[in-house]
Amino acid sequence: MTMGSRPGSDRPLAQGPHDQTWDAVETYFECITTCSLDDGDCITRCVEQLKDTDA
């Protein structure tokens, strides 16, 4: 397992399935923060992107 640090974070950077899940969730939250609360299509795209990453 390779250890390092994630830029801007104190959390160690580990290579594994949990880290891939963390990256997908982090990407999802970055995506939804760009959406307007009234924009259901934008939020749906973010959810679909998260699902595709998990597949």
Protein backbone atom coordinates (compact mmCIF):
# COMPACT_ATOMS: atom_id res chain seq x y z
CA MET A 1 0.00 0.00 0.00
CA THR A 2 1.38 3.39 -1.00
CA MET A 3 1.03 6.10 1.60
CA GLY A 4 1.29 9.82 1.05
CA SER A 5 -0.90 12.78 1.79
CA ARG A 6 -3.80 14.14 -0.18
CA PRO A 7 -3.17 17.74 -1.27
CA GLY A 8 -4.94 20.10 1.14
CA SER A 9 -5.73 17.31 3.57
CA ASP A 10 -4.12 15.65 6.57
CA ARG A 11 -5.71 12.33 5.60
CA PRO A 12 -3.17 9.77 4.32
CA LEU A 13 -3.45 8.81 0.67
CA ALA A 14 -3.89 5.04 0.50
CA GLN A 15 -4.45 3.05 -2.65
CA GLY A 16 -7.45 0.75 -2.22
CA PRO A 17 -11.20 0.36 -2.63
CA HIS A 18 -12.02 2.59 0.34
CA ASP A 19 -9.93 5.40 -1.08
CA GLN A 20 -11.66 5.04 -4.47
CA THR A 21 -15.03 5.31 -2.72
CA TRP A 22 -13.83 8.38 -0.82
CA ASP A 23 -12.69 9.99 -4.10
CA ALA A 24 -16.06 9.29 -5.74
CA VAL A 25 -17.97 10.84 -2.82
CA GLU A 26 -15.63 13.82 -2.75
CA THR A 27 -16.20 14.34 -6.49
CA TYR A 28 -19.97 14.09 -5.92
CA PHE A 29 -19.92 16.80 -3.26
CA GLU A 30 -17.75 19.02 -5.45
CA CYS A 31 -20.30 18.53 -8.24
CA ILE A 32 -23.40 19.32 -6.17
CA THR A 33 -21.82 22.46 -4.75
CA THR A 34 -21.85 23.86 -8.29
CA CYS A 35 -25.61 23.18 -8.62
CA SER A 36 -28.42 25.55 -7.76
CA LEU A 37 -30.78 24.08 -5.16
CA ASP A 38 -33.60 24.52 -7.68
CA ASP A 39 -31.71 22.71 -10.46
CA GLY A 40 -32.83 19.10 -10.18
CA ASP A 41 -31.17 18.20 -13.48
CA CYS A 42 -27.76 19.28 -12.22
CA ILE A 43 -28.14 17.27 -9.02
CA THR A 44 -29.35 14.26 -11.03
CA ARG A 45 -26.22 14.47 -13.22
CA CYS A 46 -24.06 14.46 -10.09
CA VAL A 47 -25.88 11.40 -8.72
CA GLU A 48 -25.54 9.60 -12.06
CA GLN A 49 -21.83 10.43 -12.13
CA LEU A 50 -21.47 8.95 -8.63
CA LYS A 51 -23.35 5.80 -9.66
CA ASP A 52 -21.16 5.40 -12.77
CA THR A 53 -18.02 5.73 -10.65
CA ASP A 54 -19.28 3.04 -8.28
CA ALA A 55 -20.04 0.58 -11.10
